Amino acid sequence: MAADADARIVGVIGASGQGKGVWLKGVVIDEAPTRVVVWDFMDEYGDTLAKLGGKRRAVASMSSLEAVRQAMVKAGEGPLMVRYVPRGAGNKALQREFEGLCELVYAWGACTFVAEELANVTTPSWAPAAWRKMTTSGRHRLVRIYGVTQSPALVDKSFLGNCTLVHCCALREHAHRVAVARAMDIPDSEIASLVKFEFIEKDFETGQVTRASVKPPGKKR
């Protein structure tokens, strides 16, 4: 299957409460994908998928990979919104669940995949094989990936290297700022100067660097 221009890999980065979730949920709603899967680690995407679903029935949260598989089989090439809330408590259990979900998403294809808090399921030198496959050849399965983390220095290094766009909000720790600045090829002072709800992003397909802000929740546009 040929790569689709919209099947991008987007890194969404920022400390807790700095606006990355506001931005990402807004983007997902604006893009209005009919096929979406969320690794919903914090069980926080229910309202987003409900808004996205409109008259379509948003699938309730799932915590069984078999339930996800069956829903995908039933949907075939049609619309489906899956919000997977992992059950595992330890790192190894979470990693197994995440890899299983990645395998299902890759096989299903042609969808948007949101992976929340990658630092829980990858390390700087390791990532589940299915996730590595997703970030190196997922575009050929027409999968648009949004990988999210508060701790970019602690996630799989190859992920940031494969991103087509990196969106970064404020980061408090120097090591995390340096990791993202290196990946974006910008001075880390650019990231250090960000305040709440500001972001800087780089589109690697155009080379364009943009600095802007998102509207805080509850404020009118």
C-alpha atoms as a PDB file:
ATOM      1  CA  MET A   1       0.000   0.000   0.000  1.00  0.00           C
ATOM      2  CA  ALA A   2       1.442   3.378  -0.980  1.00  0.00           C
ATOM      3  CA  ALA A   3       2.192   5.964   1.662  1.00  0.00           C
ATOM      4  CA  ASP A   4      -0.459   8.633   2.111  1.00  0.00           C
ATOM      5  CA  ALA A   5       0.512  12.303   2.437  1.00  0.00           C
ATOM      6  CA  ASP A   6      -1.660  12.571   5.536  1.00  0.00           C
ATOM      7  CA  ALA A   7      -0.182   9.500   7.225  1.00  0.00           C
ATOM      8  CA  ARG A   8       2.301  11.377   9.373  1.00  0.00           C
ATOM      9  CA  ILE A   9       4.213  10.709  12.582  1.00  0.00           C
ATOM     10  CA  VAL A  10       3.727  13.525  15.071  1.00  0.00           C
ATOM     11  CA  GLY A  11       5.572  13.871  18.366  1.00  0.00           C
ATOM     12  CA  VAL A  12       3.503  15.755  20.968  1.00  0.00           C
ATOM     13  CA  ILE A  13       5.689  16.797  23.890  1.00  0.00           C
ATOM     14  CA  GLY A  14       5.361  18.917  27.008  1.00  0.00           C
ATOM     15  CA  ALA A  15       5.259  18.869  30.780  1.00  0.00           C
ATOM     16  CA  SER A  16       1.958  18.153  32.510  1.00  0.00           C
ATOM     17  CA  GLY A  17      -0.559  20.983  32.254  1.00  0.00           C
ATOM     18  CA  GLN A  18       1.334  22.971  29.627  1.00  0.00           C
ATOM     19  CA  GLY A  19      -1.183  22.563  26.817  1.00  0.00           C
ATOM     20  CA  LYS A  20      -0.149  19.527  24.789  1.00  0.00           C
ATOM     21  CA  GLY A  21      -3.389  17.671  25.554  1.00  0.00           C
ATOM     22  CA  VAL A  22      -5.501  20.722  24.719  1.00  0.00           C
ATOM     23  CA  TRP A  23      -3.705  21.037  21.384  1.00  0.00           C
ATOM     24  CA  LEU A  24      -3.837  17.355  20.481  1.00  0.00           C
ATOM     25  CA  LYS A  25      -7.488  16.818  21.361  1.00  0.00           C
ATOM     26  CA  GLY A  26      -8.366  19.905  19.357  1.00  0.00           C
ATOM     27  CA  VAL A  27      -6.395  18.610  16.375  1.00  0.00           C
ATOM     28  CA  VAL A  28      -8.094  15.211  16.508  1.00  0.00           C
ATOM     29  CA  ILE A  29     -11.539  16.808  16.656  1.00  0.00           C
ATOM     30  CA  ASP A  30     -10.692  19.192  13.793  1.00  0.00           C
ATOM     31  CA  GLU A  31      -9.297  16.403  11.613  1.00  0.00           C
ATOM     32  CA  ALA A  32     -12.378  14.287  12.349  1.00  0.00           C
ATOM     33  CA  PRO A  33     -10.949  10.861  11.473  1.00  0.00           C
ATOM     34  CA  THR A  34     -13.577   8.144  11.133  1.00  0.00           C
ATOM     35  CA  ARG A  35     -11.099   5.456  12.175  1.00  0.00           C
ATOM     36  CA  VAL A  36      -9.182   6.209  15.361  1.00  0.00           C
ATOM     37  CA  VAL A  37      -7.477   4.177  18.077  1.00  0.00           C
ATOM     38  CA  VAL A  38      -6.252   5.716  21.346  1.00  0.00           C
ATOM     39  CA  TRP A  39      -3.828   4.143  23.822  1.00  0.00           C
ATOM     40  CA  ASP A  40      -5.639   5.984  26.617  1.00  0.00           C
ATOM     41  CA  PHE A  41      -3.274   5.472  29.520  1.00  0.00           C
ATOM     42  CA  MET A  42      -4.960   8.051  31.772  1.00  0.00           C
ATOM     43  CA  ASP A  43      -8.532   7.239  30.650  1.00  0.00           C
ATOM     44  CA  GLU A  44      -9.083  10.816  29.444  1.00  0.00           C
ATOM     45  CA  TYR A  45     -10.271  10.611  25.827  1.00  0.00           C
ATOM     46  CA  GLY A  46     -13.902   9.717  26.435  1.00  0.00           C
ATOM     47  CA  ASP A  47     -15.229  13.248  25.879  1.00  0.00           C
ATOM     48  CA  THR A  48     -12.966  13.753  22.851  1.00  0.00           C
ATOM     49  CA  LEU A  49     -14.232  10.664  21.072  1.00  0.00           C
ATOM     50  CA  ALA A  50     -17.807  11.492  22.039  1.00  0.00           C
ATOM     51  CA  LYS A  51     -17.450  14.905  20.358  1.00  0.00           C
ATOM     52  CA  LEU A  52     -15.736  13.298  17.398  1.00  0.00           C
ATOM     53  CA  GLY A  53     -18.393  10.641  17.075  1.00  0.00           C
ATOM     54  CA  GLY A  54     -21.349  12.963  16.637  1.00  0.00           C
ATOM     55  CA  LYS A  55     -24.167  10.770  15.382  1.00  0.00           C
ATOM     56  CA  ARG A  56     -21.800   7.821  15.088  1.00  0.00           C
ATOM     57  CA  ARG A  57     -21.583   5.714  18.226  1.00  0.00           C
ATOM     58  CA  ALA A  58     -18.187   6.151  19.883  1.00  0.00           C
ATOM     59  CA  VAL A  59     -16.896   2.817  21.135  1.00  0.00           C
ATOM     60  CA  ALA A  60     -16.744   2.641  24.914  1.00  0.00           C
ATOM     61  CA  SER A  61     -13.385   2.220  26.613  1.00  0.00           C
ATOM     62  CA  MET A  62     -11.877  -1.218  26.135  1.00  0.00           C
ATOM     63  CA  SER A  63      -9.374  -3.060  28.294  1.00  0.00           C
ATOM     64  CA  SER A  64      -9.228  -6.298  26.314  1.00  0.00           C
ATOM     65  CA  LEU A  65      -7.097  -6.645  23.195  1.00  0.00           C
ATOM     66  CA  GLU A  66      -9.413  -9.394  22.016  1.00  0.00           C
ATOM     67  CA  ALA A  67     -12.349  -6.977  22.217  1.00  0.00           C
ATOM     68  CA  VAL A  68     -10.379  -4.486  20.126  1.00  0.00           C
ATOM     69  CA  ARG A  69      -9.542  -7.183  17.569  1.00  0.00           C
ATOM     70  CA  GLN A  70     -13.162  -8.235  17.264  1.00  0.00           C
ATOM     71  CA  ALA A  71     -14.297  -4.616  16.854  1.00  0.00           C
ATOM     72  CA  MET A  72     -11.734  -4.089  14.092  1.00  0.00           C
ATOM     73  CA  VAL A  73     -12.777  -7.269  12.303  1.00  0.00           C
ATOM     74  CA  LYS A  74     -16.417  -6.207  12.478  1.00  0.00           C
ATOM     75  CA  ALA A  75     -15.617  -2.696  11.221  1.00  0.00           C
ATOM     76  CA  GLY A  76     -13.468  -3.942   8.359  1.00  0.00           C
ATOM     77  CA  GLU A  77     -12.643  -0.877   6.266  1.00  0.00           C
ATOM     78  CA  GLY A  78     -15.471   1.102   7.854  1.00  0.00           C
ATOM     79  CA  PRO A  79     -15.510   3.660  10.696  1.00  0.00           C
ATOM     80  CA  LEU A  80     -14.557   2.758  14.244  1.00  0.00           C
ATOM     81  CA  MET A  81     -13.350   4.635  17.320  1.00  0.00           C
ATOM     82  CA  VAL A  82     -11.492   2.597  19.915  1.00  0.00           C
ATOM     83  CA  ARG A  83     -10.300   3.893  23.275  1.00  0.00           C
ATOM     84  CA  TYR A  84      -8.072   1.285  24.895  1.00  0.00           C
ATOM     85  CA  VAL A  85      -7.430   1.703  28.623  1.00  0.00           C
ATOM     86  CA  PRO A  86      -4.583  -0.623  29.705  1.00  0.00           C
ATOM     87  CA  ARG A  87      -5.025  -2.922  32.682  1.00  0.00           C
ATOM     88  CA  GLY A  88      -1.378  -3.750  33.428  1.00  0.00           C
ATOM     89  CA  ALA A  89       0.193  -2.319  36.581  1.00  0.00           C
ATOM     90  CA  GLY A  90       3.870  -3.119  35.981  1.00  0.00           C
ATOM     91  CA  ASN A  91       6.135  -1.985  33.159  1.00  0.00           C
ATOM     92  CA  LYS A  92       6.330  -5.381  31.486  1.00  0.00           C
ATOM     93  CA  ALA A  93       2.556  -5.826  31.531  1.00  0.00           C
ATOM     94  CA  LEU A  94       2.017  -2.378  30.042  1.00  0.00           C
ATOM     95  CA  GLN A  95       4.641  -3.005  27.377  1.00  0.00           C
ATOM     96  CA  ARG A  96       2.978  -6.274  26.362  1.00  0.00           C
ATOM     97  CA  GLU A  97      -0.418  -4.596  26.073  1.00  0.00           C
ATOM     98  CA  PHE A  98       1.028  -1.689  24.100  1.00  0.00           C
ATOM     99  CA  GLU A  99       2.806  -3.996  21.681  1.00  0.00           C
ATOM    100  CA  GLY A 100      -0.369  -6.024  21.219  1.00  0.00           C
ATOM    101  CA  LEU A 101      -2.366  -2.892  20.419  1.00  0.00           C
ATOM    102  CA  CYS A 102       0.311  -1.693  17.983  1.00  0.00           C
ATOM    103  CA  GLU A 103       0.143  -5.028  16.172  1.00  0.00           C
ATOM    104  CA  LEU A 104      -3.630  -4.721  15.818  1.00  0.00           C
ATOM    105  CA  VAL A 105      -3.448  -1.118  14.594  1.00  0.00           C
ATOM    106  CA  TYR A 106      -0.738  -1.933  12.060  1.00  0.00           C
ATOM    107  CA  ALA A 107      -2.707  -4.869  10.676  1.00  0.00           C
ATOM    108  CA  TRP A 108      -5.962  -2.857  10.538  1.00  0.00           C
ATOM    109  CA  GLY A 109      -4.372   0.195   8.909  1.00  0.00           C
ATOM    110  CA  ALA A 110      -5.816   3.422   7.465  1.00  0.00           C
ATOM    111  CA  CYS A 111      -6.464   5.102  10.824  1.00  0.00           C
ATOM    112  CA  THR A 112      -5.285   7.661  13.363  1.00  0.00           C
ATOM    113  CA  PHE A 113      -3.387   6.202  16.322  1.00  0.00           C
ATOM    114  CA  VAL A 114      -2.836   8.238  19.502  1.00  0.00           C
ATOM    115  CA  ALA A 115      -0.272   6.772  21.909  1.00  0.00           C
ATOM    116  CA  GLU A 116      -0.305   8.538  25.278  1.00  0.00           C
ATOM    117  CA  GLU A 117       2.803   8.714  27.506  1.00  0.00           C
ATOM    118  CA  LEU A 118       5.435   6.775  25.629  1.00  0.00           C
ATOM    119  CA  ALA A 119       7.810   6.885  28.605  1.00  0.00           C
ATOM    120  CA  ASN A 120       5.637   4.185  30.213  1.00  0.00           C
ATOM    121  CA  VAL A 121       6.160   1.733  27.362  1.00  0.00           C
ATOM    122  CA  THR A 122       9.541   2.611  25.804  1.00  0.00           C
ATOM    123  CA  THR A 123      13.039   3.555  26.978  1.00  0.00           C
ATOM    124  CA  PRO A 124      15.823   5.524  25.250  1.00  0.00           C
ATOM    125  CA  SER A 125      17.398   2.294  24.016  1.00  0.00           C
ATOM    126  CA  TRP A 126      14.369   0.043  23.667  1.00  0.00           C
ATOM    127  CA  ALA A 127      10.846  -0.054  22.262  1.00  0.00           C
ATOM    128  CA  PRO A 128       8.424  -2.904  21.572  1.00  0.00           C
ATOM    129  CA  ALA A 129       9.059  -4.354  18.128  1.00  0.00           C
ATOM    130  CA  ALA A 130       5.540  -3.560  16.926  1.00  0.00           C
ATOM    131  CA  TRP A 131       5.937   0.114  17.908  1.00  0.00           C
ATOM    132  CA  ARG A 132       9.262   0.344  16.053  1.00  0.00           C
ATOM    133  CA  LYS A 133       7.540  -1.145  13.034  1.00  0.00           C
ATOM    134  CA  MET A 134       4.732   1.387  13.382  1.00  0.00           C
ATOM    135  CA  THR A 135       7.142   4.337  13.428  1.00  0.00           C
ATOM    136  CA  THR A 136       9.274   3.096  10.546  1.00  0.00           C
ATOM    137  CA  SER A 137       6.653   1.713   8.165  1.00  0.00           C
ATOM    138  CA  GLY A 138       3.268   2.705   9.609  1.00  0.00           C
ATOM    139  CA  ARG A 139       2.894   5.337   6.907  1.00  0.00           C
ATOM    140  CA  HIS A 140       2.732   2.550   4.350  1.00  0.00           C
ATOM    141  CA  ARG A 141      -0.295   1.225   6.235  1.00  0.00           C
ATOM    142  CA  LEU A 142      -1.831   4.719   6.121  1.00  0.00           C
ATOM    143  CA  VAL A 143      -1.557   5.138   9.890  1.00  0.00           C
ATOM    144  CA  ARG A 144      -1.229   8.673  11.244  1.00  0.00           C
ATOM    145  CA  ILE A 145       0.592   8.456  14.578  1.00  0.00           C
ATOM    146  CA  TYR A 146       0.486  10.909  17.467  1.00  0.00           C
ATOM    147  CA  GLY A 147       3.055   9.882  20.077  1.00  0.00           C
ATOM    148  CA  VAL A 148       2.736  11.793  23.354  1.00  0.00           C
ATOM    149  CA  THR A 149       5.154  12.214  26.251  1.00  0.00           C
ATOM    150  CA  GLN A 150       6.059  14.431  29.197  1.00  0.00           C
ATOM    151  CA  SER A 151       9.560  12.950  29.304  1.00  0.00           C
ATOM    152  CA  PRO A 152      11.192  12.959  25.855  1.00  0.00           C
ATOM    153  CA  ALA A 153      14.642  12.108  27.210  1.00  0.00           C
ATOM    154  CA  LEU A 154      13.226   8.822  28.508  1.00  0.00           C
ATOM    155  CA  VAL A 155      11.497   7.562  25.349  1.00  0.00           C
ATOM    156  CA  ASP A 156      12.704   5.540  22.396  1.00  0.00           C
ATOM    157  CA  LYS A 157      15.232   7.776  20.597  1.00  0.00           C
ATOM    158  CA  SER A 158      14.286   6.482  17.167  1.00  0.00           C
ATOM    159  CA  PHE A 159      10.727   7.783  17.609  1.00  0.00           C
ATOM    160  CA  LEU A 160      11.717  11.452  17.578  1.00  0.00           C
ATOM    161  CA  GLY A 161      14.108  10.736  14.725  1.00  0.00           C
ATOM    162  CA  ASN A 162      11.256   9.364  12.617  1.00  0.00           C
ATOM    163  CA  CYS A 163       8.747  12.150  13.318  1.00  0.00           C
ATOM    164  CA  THR A 164       7.507  14.213  10.403  1.00  0.00           C
ATOM    165  CA  LEU A 165       6.419  16.910  12.863  1.00  0.00           C
ATOM    166  CA  VAL A 166       7.424  17.643  16.468  1.00  0.00           C
ATOM    167  CA  HIS A 167       5.094  19.799  18.565  1.00  0.00           C
ATOM    168  CA  CYS A 168       6.667  20.883  21.850  1.00  0.00           C
ATOM    169  CA  CYS A 169       5.126  22.749  24.775  1.00  0.00           C
ATOM    170  CA  ALA A 170       7.017  23.945  27.863  1.00  0.00           C
ATOM    171  CA  LEU A 171       9.368  21.463  29.527  1.00  0.00           C
ATOM    172  CA  ARG A 172      10.723  21.998  33.027  1.00  0.00           C
ATOM    173  CA  GLU A 173      13.762  19.697  33.028  1.00  0.00           C
ATOM    174  CA  HIS A 174      16.934  20.602  31.147  1.00  0.00           C
ATOM    175  CA  ALA A 175      17.543  17.033  29.933  1.00  0.00           C
ATOM    176  CA  HIS A 176      14.118  16.895  28.289  1.00  0.00           C
ATOM    177  CA  ARG A 177      14.572  20.294  26.652  1.00  0.00           C
ATOM    178  CA  VAL A 178      17.953  19.249  25.261  1.00  0.00           C
ATOM    179  CA  ALA A 179      16.565  15.976  23.870  1.00  0.00           C
ATOM    180  CA  VAL A 180      13.801  17.756  21.951  1.00  0.00           C
ATOM    181  CA  ALA A 181      16.011  20.626  20.808  1.00  0.00           C
ATOM    182  CA  ARG A 182      18.463  18.106  19.390  1.00  0.00           C
ATOM    183  CA  ALA A 183      15.690  16.297  17.541  1.00  0.00           C
ATOM    184  CA  MET A 184      14.296  19.583  16.173  1.00  0.00           C
ATOM    185  CA  ASP A 185      17.751  21.004  15.429  1.00  0.00           C
ATOM    186  CA  ILE A 186      17.018  24.243  17.273  1.00  0.00           C
ATOM    187  CA  PRO A 187      18.676  25.922  20.307  1.00  0.00           C
ATOM    188  CA  ASP A 188      17.358  24.521  23.588  1.00  0.00           C
ATOM    189  CA  SER A 189      16.872  28.140  24.690  1.00  0.00           C
ATOM    190  CA  GLU A 190      13.913  28.263  22.289  1.00  0.00           C
ATOM    191  CA  ILE A 191      12.189  25.575  24.340  1.00  0.00           C
ATOM    192  CA  ALA A 192      13.346  26.984  27.678  1.00  0.00           C
ATOM    193  CA  SER A 193      11.590  30.274  26.885  1.00  0.00           C
ATOM    194  CA  LEU A 194       8.167  28.660  26.386  1.00  0.00           C
ATOM    195  CA  VAL A 195       5.474  29.437  28.953  1.00  0.00           C
ATOM    196  CA  LYS A 196       2.167  27.703  29.650  1.00  0.00           C
ATOM    197  CA  PHE A 197       0.045  27.152  26.520  1.00  0.00           C
ATOM    198  CA  GLU A 198       2.849  28.275  24.179  1.00  0.00           C
ATOM    199  CA  PHE A 199       4.419  25.779  21.793  1.00  0.00           C
ATOM    200  CA  ILE A 200       7.080  25.482  19.145  1.00  0.00           C
ATOM    201  CA  GLU A 201       6.902  22.929  16.377  1.00  0.00           C
ATOM    202  CA  LYS A 202       8.944  21.844  13.387  1.00  0.00           C
ATOM    203  CA  ASP A 203       7.575  20.272  10.239  1.00  0.00           C
ATOM    204  CA  PHE A 204      10.370  18.126   8.877  1.00  0.00           C
ATOM    205  CA  GLU A 205       8.718  17.793   5.487  1.00  0.00           C
ATOM    206  CA  THR A 206       8.907  21.549   4.878  1.00  0.00           C
ATOM    207  CA  GLY A 207      11.593  22.576   7.364  1.00  0.00           C
ATOM    208  CA  GLN A 208       9.264  25.210   8.781  1.00  0.00           C
ATOM    209  CA  VAL A 209       9.516  26.116  12.476  1.00  0.00           C
ATOM    210  CA  THR A 210       6.397  27.689  14.007  1.00  0.00           C
ATOM    211  CA  ARG A 211       5.875  29.287  17.398  1.00  0.00           C
ATOM    212  CA  ALA A 212       2.339  29.932  18.619  1.00  0.00           C
ATOM    213  CA  SER A 213      -0.049  29.214  21.489  1.00  0.00           C
ATOM    214  CA  VAL A 214      -3.294  27.388  22.212  1.00  0.00           C
ATOM    215  CA  LYS A 215      -6.356  28.822  23.912  1.00  0.00           C
ATOM    216  CA  PRO A 216      -6.643  27.702  27.555  1.00  0.00           C
ATOM    217  CA  PRO A 217      -9.631  25.428  28.253  1.00  0.00           C
ATOM    218  CA  GLY A 218     -12.820  27.355  28.947  1.00  0.00           C
ATOM    219  CA  LYS A 219     -11.789  30.486  27.070  1.00  0.00           C
ATOM    220  CA  LYS A 220     -13.683  31.547  23.990  1.00  0.00           C
ATOM    221  CA  ARG A 221     -11.806  31.625  20.721  1.00  0.00           C
END
